[in-house]
C-alpha cells in the first residue's frame, strides 16, 4: 500500500489456474487408479473363492468315492440259543435282540448253524414247540428274515405263520432301507409287481412310495429287488423311474448300511465251506472265554470278516457234533480266538449279550484297519 492513500492492486498469478487443472487431472487419475485397483482386488478375491470352491468340490467328490464300504462283516451263531428261552414269546423277543445287535453294528450276514449237525438248509419247516431240537434254527432264521424285511414288503414275503405269531413283540430295526412312504432316498427295496409291462418297457416295482417305479428290465413278478431311483423325478408323471442294482450297491457305492442276509448252515464246518464269497472269509474270529484277550488283539486287513459265537456249551459242543472236523481244539479253526470280555463278573454270557460286547470291542479294531470309511463307523 502507497503512502498517498492509493490502494495497490495485486496482479493475479497466471500459474494458479494451470496448477488447479493439473491437480484435478491428477486427482481423477488417482481416483481411476484406485478404482482399477479395487476392481483387480475384487477379481482376485473372486478367483481365489472360485479356486477354493473347486478344491472343495474335488475334495467332496473324493470323499464321496470313499463313502462306500467294500468289506463285509458276518456273524455266525447256533440256532440252539433260542432253546434258552422258556416260551414262544421269549424266543421271538430273543431273536429280535440278536437282529437288533447285528444291525446296530452294521453286520452284513447272519449265519445260523445247527449245533447238532442236522441237515437244515431252508426255512420250510416250522417250530414244533419249546425244547424240540433242530427247529430252533428254522425259527430263528425266519424271524431274522422277517424283521430285516422293510415293513411295506412283509405282507408279500411273509404269509401268516406260527413262527411269527408274536412278531408284534419285535422292536423295529429302523435301518436305512426301512423307508417311510414320503422319505427321499437314492435307493429303495421293492417287489416286482404282477402287472404285464408294456412292449419295450420295464417291469413295475412297488417300493413303498405313493407311486410305483418303472425299472429298466423285465423281471419275474414277486422278486425282491434293490432299485436306484433317478435323481430328477417329474412329480407330474404317473410313475417314478429307476434301475435295478445289485443289493450290495447301496453299501459299496452309496455308503449306506443296507441290512443283512440270512444263511442256514447244517453244521459248524458249513459256516466256512458254504461262504457266499468267491474266496471265502479271509479273516475269521472265534469267541470264547478260553481265548486270548481282545484288548491286545490287532486285526489284519480283510475283505470279508467272520465272527463265530458258540451256544450254551460254547464252540466246543459245536465242534464235537461236527463229523467233518477231526480237530479237538476250536481255536485252530480261526485266525483269532478271542475272549471279548476278560474278567467277566458272571459265570456265563448269553449269546445276544456276547454279540453286543464283542462287536463293541471289535469296532475300534476294524476302524483302525479302515480309517477312511464313514469316519470310522461300520455303516457306511
Protein backbone atom coordinates (compact mmCIF):
# COMPACT_ATOMS: atom_id res chain seq x y z
CA UNK A 1 0.00 0.00 0.00
CA UNK A 2 1.38 3.52 -1.02
CA UNK A 3 1.81 6.45 1.34
CA UNK A 4 -0.54 8.73 -0.62
CA UNK A 5 -3.55 6.61 0.21
CA UNK A 6 -3.81 4.86 -3.17
CA UNK A 7 -4.64 1.17 -2.98
CA UNK A 8 -2.16 -1.19 -4.66
CA UNK A 9 -3.84 -3.92 -6.72
CA UNK A 10 -2.26 -7.39 -6.66
CA UNK A 11 -1.99 -8.92 -10.06
CA UNK A 12 -3.31 -12.47 -10.08
CA UNK A 13 -0.80 -15.27 -10.66
CA UNK A 14 -1.38 -16.77 -14.06
CA UNK A 15 0.08 -20.11 -12.96
CA UNK A 16 -2.73 -20.86 -10.38
CA UNK A 17 -5.39 -21.99 -12.89
CA UNK A 18 -2.88 -24.29 -14.54
CA UNK A 19 -1.96 -25.77 -11.14
CA UNK A 20 -5.64 -26.36 -10.31
CA UNK A 21 -6.16 -28.09 -13.65
CA UNK A 22 -3.15 -30.31 -13.07
CA UNK A 23 -4.35 -31.21 -9.57
CA UNK A 24 -7.85 -32.08 -10.81
CA UNK A 25 -6.34 -34.21 -13.54
CA UNK A 26 -4.04 -35.91 -11.02
CA UNK A 27 -6.95 -36.46 -8.65
CA UNK A 28 -9.00 -38.00 -11.45
CA UNK A 29 -6.07 -40.25 -12.36
CA UNK A 30 -5.65 -41.34 -8.74
CA UNK A 31 -9.38 -41.99 -8.47
CA UNK A 32 -9.35 -44.08 -11.65
CA UNK A 33 -6.23 -45.92 -10.48
CA UNK A 34 -7.85 -46.63 -7.11
CA UNK A 35 -10.97 -47.84 -8.91
CA UNK A 36 -8.91 -50.16 -11.07
CA UNK A 37 -7.02 -51.42 -8.01
CA UNK A 38 -10.28 -52.18 -6.18
CA UNK A 39 -11.62 -53.90 -9.26
CA UNK A 40 -8.48 -56.03 -9.53
CA UNK A 41 -8.73 -56.85 -5.82
CA UNK A 42 -12.35 -57.98 -6.21
CA UNK A 43 -11.44 -60.07 -9.26
CA UNK A 44 -8.57 -61.61 -7.32
CA UNK A 45 -10.88 -62.45 -4.42
CA UNK A 46 -13.44 -63.96 -6.79
CA UNK A 47 -10.74 -66.04 -8.45
CA UNK A 48 -9.49 -67.21 -5.06
CA UNK A 49 -13.03 -68.08 -3.99
CA UNK A 50 -13.56 -69.95 -7.25
CA UNK A 51 -10.39 -71.95 -6.69
CA UNK A 52 -11.46 -72.76 -3.11
CA UNK A 53 -14.88 -73.91 -4.31
CA UNK A 54 -13.24 -76.06 -6.98
CA UNK A 55 -10.91 -77.57 -4.37
CA UNK A 56 -13.81 -78.23 -2.01
CA UNK A 57 -15.81 -79.79 -4.84
CA UNK A 58 -12.90 -82.06 -5.72
CA UNK A 59 -12.47 -82.98 -2.07
CA UNK A 60 -16.19 -83.67 -1.77
CA UNK A 61 -16.09 -85.93 -4.84
CA UNK A 62 -13.09 -87.75 -3.40
CA UNK A 63 -14.93 -88.17 -0.11
CA UNK A 64 -18.00 -89.40 -1.96
CA UNK A 65 -15.89 -92.05 -3.65
CA UNK A 66 -14.62 -93.11 -0.22
CA UNK A 67 -18.02 -93.32 1.44
CA UNK A 68 -18.66 -96.78 0.07
CA UNK A 69 -17.68 -99.79 2.15
CA UNK A 70 -16.11 -102.67 0.25
CA UNK A 71 -15.60 -105.03 3.18
CA UNK A 72 -18.29 -107.16 4.83
CA UNK A 73 -18.88 -108.35 8.38
CA UNK A 74 -20.58 -111.70 9.03
CA UNK A 75 -21.77 -113.19 12.32
CA UNK A 76 -22.42 -116.89 12.89
CA UNK A 77 -24.27 -118.39 15.84
CA UNK A 78 -26.12 -121.64 16.61
CA UNK A 79 -29.90 -121.66 16.41
CA UNK A 80 -29.98 -123.50 19.72
CA UNK A 81 -29.65 -120.17 21.52
CA UNK A 82 -33.45 -119.97 21.26
CA UNK A 83 -33.71 -123.06 23.46
CA UNK A 84 -32.53 -120.86 26.31
CA UNK A 85 -35.92 -119.10 26.22
CA UNK A 86 -38.85 -120.68 28.06
CA UNK A 87 -41.78 -119.64 25.88
CA UNK A 88 -42.59 -118.83 22.24
CA UNK A 89 -42.93 -115.15 23.19
CA UNK A 90 -39.48 -115.07 24.77
CA UNK A 91 -37.99 -116.96 21.81
CA UNK A 92 -39.36 -114.34 19.45
CA UNK A 93 -38.06 -111.48 21.56
CA UNK A 94 -34.63 -113.14 21.87
CA UNK A 95 -34.41 -113.43 18.08
CA UNK A 96 -35.28 -109.74 17.84
CA UNK A 97 -32.48 -108.88 20.28
CA UNK A 98 -30.00 -110.73 18.06
CA UNK A 99 -31.26 -108.87 15.00
CA UNK A 100 -31.01 -105.52 16.76
CA UNK A 101 -27.46 -106.23 17.96
CA UNK A 102 -26.34 -107.12 14.44
CA UNK A 103 -27.99 -104.09 12.83
CA UNK A 104 -26.56 -101.66 15.38
CA UNK A 105 -23.07 -102.76 14.31
CA UNK A 106 -23.88 -102.99 10.59
CA UNK A 107 -23.49 -106.74 10.20
CA UNK A 108 -23.98 -107.80 6.57
CA UNK A 109 -24.65 -111.52 7.01
CA UNK A 110 -26.03 -113.69 9.81
CA UNK A 111 -25.27 -117.40 9.58
CA UNK A 112 -27.42 -119.71 11.71
CA UNK A 113 -25.80 -123.12 12.12
CA UNK A 114 -27.03 -126.30 13.79
CA UNK A 115 -25.02 -127.49 16.77
CA UNK A 116 -26.45 -131.00 16.37
CA UNK A 117 -25.19 -131.33 12.80
CA UNK A 118 -28.65 -131.85 11.31
CA UNK A 119 -29.15 -131.02 7.65
CA UNK A 120 -31.07 -127.75 7.92
CA UNK A 121 -30.72 -125.55 4.86
CA UNK A 122 -34.12 -123.96 4.42
CA UNK A 123 -36.88 -122.36 6.44
CA UNK A 124 -39.61 -124.56 5.00
CA UNK A 125 -40.14 -126.39 8.31
CA UNK A 126 -41.82 -124.93 11.36
CA UNK A 127 -41.30 -124.67 15.08
CA UNK A 128 -42.94 -127.63 16.84
CA UNK A 129 -42.65 -126.49 20.44
CA UNK A 130 -40.21 -125.41 23.11
CA UNK A 131 -37.45 -127.97 23.57
CA UNK A 132 -37.81 -129.58 20.13
CA UNK A 133 -34.25 -129.77 18.80
CA UNK A 134 -33.43 -128.85 15.23
CA UNK A 135 -36.36 -126.49 14.75
CA UNK A 136 -34.72 -123.59 16.58
CA UNK A 137 -32.50 -122.83 13.55
CA UNK A 138 -35.51 -122.58 11.27
CA UNK A 139 -37.46 -120.36 13.62
CA UNK A 140 -34.50 -118.07 14.31
CA UNK A 141 -33.74 -117.70 10.59
CA UNK A 142 -37.37 -116.95 9.76
CA UNK A 143 -37.68 -114.26 12.44
CA UNK A 144 -34.35 -112.71 11.41
CA UNK A 145 -35.54 -112.56 7.79
CA UNK A 146 -38.89 -111.14 8.79
CA UNK A 147 -37.56 -108.31 10.93
CA UNK A 148 -34.92 -107.36 8.31
CA UNK A 149 -37.54 -107.00 5.57
CA UNK A 150 -38.92 -103.45 5.12
CA UNK A 151 -42.37 -103.19 6.65
CA UNK A 152 -44.12 -102.37 3.38
CA UNK A 153 -42.85 -105.63 1.80
CA UNK A 154 -43.63 -108.09 4.59
CA UNK A 155 -47.19 -108.86 3.51
CA UNK A 156 -45.86 -110.25 0.21
CA UNK A 157 -42.93 -112.26 1.53
CA UNK A 158 -44.21 -113.47 4.90
CA UNK A 159 -47.66 -115.05 4.98
CA UNK A 160 -49.24 -115.89 8.33
CA UNK A 161 -47.05 -118.44 10.11
CA UNK A 162 -46.93 -119.89 13.59
CA UNK A 163 -43.26 -118.89 14.00
CA UNK A 164 -44.28 -115.26 13.54
CA UNK A 165 -47.39 -115.19 15.72
CA UNK A 166 -45.58 -113.00 18.29
CA UNK A 167 -43.89 -110.72 15.75
CA UNK A 168 -45.67 -107.80 17.38
CA UNK A 169 -43.18 -108.08 20.25
CA UNK A 170 -40.24 -107.35 17.96
CA UNK A 171 -38.59 -103.96 18.23
CA UNK A 172 -38.17 -102.33 14.80
CA UNK A 173 -34.67 -102.34 13.33
CA UNK A 174 -35.13 -98.87 11.81
CA UNK A 175 -32.20 -99.43 9.46
CA UNK A 176 -31.65 -97.14 6.45
CA UNK A 177 -33.55 -99.35 3.99
CA UNK A 178 -36.69 -99.29 6.15
CA UNK A 179 -38.15 -96.23 4.44
CA UNK A 180 -41.22 -94.20 5.28
CA UNK A 181 -43.66 -93.57 2.44
CA UNK A 182 -42.52 -89.97 1.76
CA UNK A 183 -38.88 -90.39 2.74
CA UNK A 184 -36.44 -89.44 -0.01
CA UNK A 185 -33.57 -91.78 -0.82
CA UNK A 186 -31.48 -92.71 -3.82
CA UNK A 187 -32.08 -96.41 -3.17
CA UNK A 188 -35.13 -98.41 -2.14
CA UNK A 189 -36.11 -102.03 -1.72
CA UNK A 190 -39.13 -103.18 -3.70
CA UNK A 191 -41.12 -106.11 -5.09
CA UNK A 192 -41.75 -106.72 -8.79
CA UNK A 193 -45.49 -106.44 -9.34
CA UNK A 194 -47.57 -108.93 -11.25
CA UNK A 195 -48.53 -106.39 -13.91
CA UNK A 196 -47.64 -107.19 -17.53
CA UNK A 197 -45.24 -104.46 -18.73
CA UNK A 198 -45.87 -102.63 -21.98
CA UNK A 199 -43.88 -103.50 -25.07
CA UNK A 200 -40.31 -102.27 -24.67
CA UNK A 201 -40.93 -101.13 -21.10
CA UNK A 202 -39.52 -102.50 -17.85
CA UNK A 203 -41.47 -104.08 -15.02
CA UNK A 204 -43.32 -102.17 -12.34
CA UNK A 205 -41.98 -102.28 -8.79
CA UNK A 206 -43.65 -101.35 -5.51
CA UNK A 207 -41.01 -99.52 -3.46
CA UNK A 208 -43.29 -98.39 -0.66
CA UNK A 209 -43.94 -94.96 -2.19
CA UNK A 210 -47.13 -93.29 -3.35
CA UNK A 211 -46.31 -94.25 -6.95
CA UNK A 212 -44.91 -97.42 -8.47
CA UNK A 213 -41.48 -97.40 -10.11
CA UNK A 214 -40.78 -98.32 -13.74
CA UNK A 215 -37.44 -100.15 -13.82
CA UNK A 216 -35.11 -100.73 -16.75
CA UNK A 217 -35.67 -104.51 -17.00
CA UNK A 218 -38.46 -107.03 -17.25
CA UNK A 219 -38.23 -109.34 -14.24
CA UNK A 220 -40.28 -112.15 -12.78
CA UNK A 221 -43.13 -111.00 -10.56
CA UNK A 222 -42.62 -111.47 -6.83
CA UNK A 223 -38.87 -110.87 -6.79
CA UNK A 224 -37.38 -108.58 -4.16
CA UNK A 225 -35.12 -106.05 -5.88
CA UNK A 226 -32.92 -103.10 -4.97
CA UNK A 227 -33.82 -100.04 -7.05
CA UNK A 228 -31.74 -96.93 -7.68
CA UNK A 229 -34.16 -94.10 -8.35
CA UNK A 230 -33.50 -91.41 -10.93
CA UNK A 231 -32.24 -88.27 -9.19
CA UNK A 232 -34.62 -85.98 -11.08
CA UNK A 233 -38.21 -87.19 -10.99
CA UNK A 234 -41.11 -85.39 -12.62
CA UNK A 235 -43.77 -85.31 -9.92
CA UNK A 236 -46.48 -84.90 -12.56
CA UNK A 237 -45.75 -88.30 -14.12
CA UNK A 238 -47.87 -91.29 -13.11
CA UNK A 239 -44.79 -93.43 -12.36
CA UNK A 240 -41.32 -92.95 -10.98
CA UNK A 241 -38.29 -94.25 -12.88
CA UNK A 242 -35.33 -96.26 -11.65
CA UNK A 243 -32.84 -99.02 -12.43
CA UNK A 244 -32.28 -102.36 -10.71
CA UNK A 245 -28.90 -102.68 -8.99
CA UNK A 246 -27.16 -105.40 -7.03
CA UNK A 247 -28.08 -105.50 -3.31
CA UNK A 248 -24.52 -104.53 -2.34
CA UNK A 249 -24.51 -101.26 -4.35
CA UNK A 250 -26.01 -99.06 -1.58
CA UNK A 251 -23.17 -100.26 0.68
CA UNK A 252 -20.27 -100.25 -1.78
CA UNK A 253 -21.21 -97.07 -3.67
CA UNK A 254 -23.68 -95.17 -1.54
CA UNK A 255 -22.03 -95.79 1.81
CA UNK A 256 -25.32 -96.97 3.33
CA UNK A 257 -25.91 -99.91 5.61
CA UNK A 258 -28.47 -101.98 3.73
CA UNK A 259 -29.45 -104.73 6.13
CA UNK A 260 -28.22 -108.31 6.40
CA UNK A 261 -28.75 -111.59 4.61
CA UNK A 262 -29.56 -114.81 6.48
CA UNK A 263 -27.88 -118.13 5.70
CA UNK A 264 -28.59 -121.53 7.24
CA UNK A 265 -25.68 -123.95 7.77
CA UNK A 266 -26.14 -127.60 8.74
CA UNK A 267 -23.03 -127.65 10.95
CA UNK A 268 -20.08 -125.53 12.07
CA UNK A 269 -17.85 -126.53 9.14
CA UNK A 270 -20.55 -125.45 6.66
CA UNK A 271 -20.28 -121.93 8.02
CA UNK A 272 -16.84 -121.75 6.38
CA UNK A 273 -17.24 -124.00 3.33
CA UNK A 274 -20.54 -122.54 2.08
CA UNK A 275 -19.48 -118.91 2.17
CA UNK A 276 -21.24 -116.76 -0.46
CA UNK A 277 -17.94 -115.03 -1.24
CA UNK A 278 -15.79 -116.44 -4.02
CA UNK A 279 -12.63 -116.79 -1.92
CA UNK A 280 -14.43 -117.35 1.37
CA UNK A 281 -13.77 -115.38 4.54
CA UNK A 282 -10.22 -114.06 4.70
CA UNK A 283 -10.35 -113.23 8.43
CA UNK A 284 -12.14 -115.46 10.94
CA UNK A 285 -12.60 -114.84 14.66
CA UNK A 286 -13.86 -117.32 17.23
CA UNK A 287 -15.16 -116.09 20.58
CA UNK A 288 -14.63 -117.96 23.84
CA UNK A 289 -13.72 -117.25 27.45
CA UNK A 290 -10.75 -119.56 26.79
CA UNK A 291 -9.39 -117.29 24.07
CA UNK A 292 -6.77 -114.57 24.30
CA UNK A 293 -7.79 -111.08 25.39
CA UNK A 294 -9.36 -108.83 22.78
CA UNK A 295 -7.56 -105.83 24.27
CA UNK A 296 -4.20 -106.93 22.84
CA UNK A 297 -5.59 -108.16 19.50
CA UNK A 298 -4.87 -106.46 16.17
CA UNK A 299 -6.84 -107.19 13.01
CA UNK A 300 -5.09 -107.71 9.70
CA UNK A 301 -6.57 -106.15 6.53
CA UNK A 302 -9.52 -108.14 5.21
CA UNK A 303 -12.34 -108.16 2.68
CA UNK A 304 -14.75 -110.48 4.45
CA UNK A 305 -14.72 -110.83 8.23
CA UNK A 306 -16.46 -113.72 10.02
CA UNK A 307 -17.14 -113.73 13.76
CA UNK A 308 -18.42 -117.00 15.24
CA UNK A 309 -20.27 -117.31 18.55
CA UNK A 310 -20.96 -120.50 20.44
CA UNK A 311 -24.14 -121.69 22.10
CA UNK A 312 -24.88 -122.65 25.68
CA UNK A 313 -21.95 -125.10 25.79
CA UNK A 314 -19.61 -122.92 23.73
CA UNK A 315 -17.93 -123.70 20.41
CA UNK A 316 -16.55 -126.96 21.83
CA UNK A 317 -20.02 -128.54 21.66
CA UNK A 318 -20.44 -127.48 18.02
CA UNK A 319 -17.03 -128.91 17.21
CA UNK A 320 -17.79 -132.27 18.84
CA UNK A 321 -21.04 -132.67 16.88
CA UNK A 322 -19.47 -131.87 13.50
CA UNK A 323 -18.40 -135.10 11.79
CA UNK A 324 -16.50 -133.15 9.13
CA UNK A 325 -13.99 -131.82 11.65
CA UNK A 326 -11.38 -134.03 13.27
CA UNK A 327 -9.74 -131.40 15.46
CA UNK A 328 -10.50 -131.17 19.16
CA UNK A 329 -9.41 -127.60 19.81
CA UNK A 330 -11.76 -125.00 18.23
CA UNK A 331 -9.05 -122.34 18.27
CA UNK A 332 -7.29 -123.99 15.29
CA UNK A 333 -10.31 -123.22 13.09
CA UNK A 334 -9.88 -119.45 13.40
CA UNK A 335 -7.30 -116.81 12.61
CA UNK A 336 -8.03 -115.27 16.02
CA UNK A 337 -9.57 -116.93 19.07
CA UNK A 338 -10.59 -114.15 21.43
CA UNK A 339 -12.08 -113.57 24.83
CA UNK A 340 -14.05 -110.41 24.16
CA UNK A 341 -14.98 -109.85 27.82
CA UNK A 342 -12.00 -110.73 30.01
CA UNK A 343 -12.64 -110.62 33.75
CA UNK A 344 -16.38 -111.17 33.36
CA UNK A 345 -18.40 -110.94 36.56
CA UNK A 346 -20.98 -113.55 35.54
CA UNK A 347 -20.27 -117.25 35.07
CA UNK A 348 -21.99 -117.12 31.69
CA UNK A 349 -22.53 -114.56 28.97
CA UNK A 350 -25.61 -115.10 26.85
CA UNK A 351 -25.10 -115.13 23.08
CA UNK A 352 -27.18 -112.00 22.48
CA UNK A 353 -25.02 -110.25 25.09
CA UNK A 354 -21.83 -111.66 23.61
CA UNK A 355 -22.69 -110.19 20.20
CA UNK A 356 -23.08 -106.69 21.64
CA UNK A 357 -19.95 -106.97 23.79
CA UNK A 358 -17.81 -108.43 21.02
CA UNK A 359 -18.92 -106.05 18.27
CA UNK A 360 -18.41 -103.05 20.56
CA UNK A 361 -14.87 -104.24 21.30
CA UNK A 362 -14.10 -105.06 17.66
CA UNK A 363 -15.45 -101.80 16.21
CA UNK A 364 -12.32 -99.72 17.03
CA UNK A 365 -10.16 -102.60 15.74
CA UNK A 366 -12.00 -102.52 12.42
CA UNK A 367 -11.80 -98.72 12.36
CA UNK A 368 -8.02 -98.99 12.67
CA UNK A 369 -7.96 -101.14 9.53
CA UNK A 370 -10.34 -98.89 7.56
CA UNK A 371 -9.89 -95.36 8.96
CA UNK A 372 -11.32 -93.61 5.89
CA UNK A 373 -14.64 -95.47 5.75
CA UNK A 374 -17.58 -93.45 7.08
CA UNK A 375 -15.43 -91.62 9.63
CA UNK A 376 -14.64 -94.85 11.40
CA UNK A 377 -18.14 -96.29 11.70
CA UNK A 378 -19.23 -99.62 10.34
CA UNK A 379 -22.19 -98.26 8.50
CA UNK A 380 -21.11 -96.70 5.58
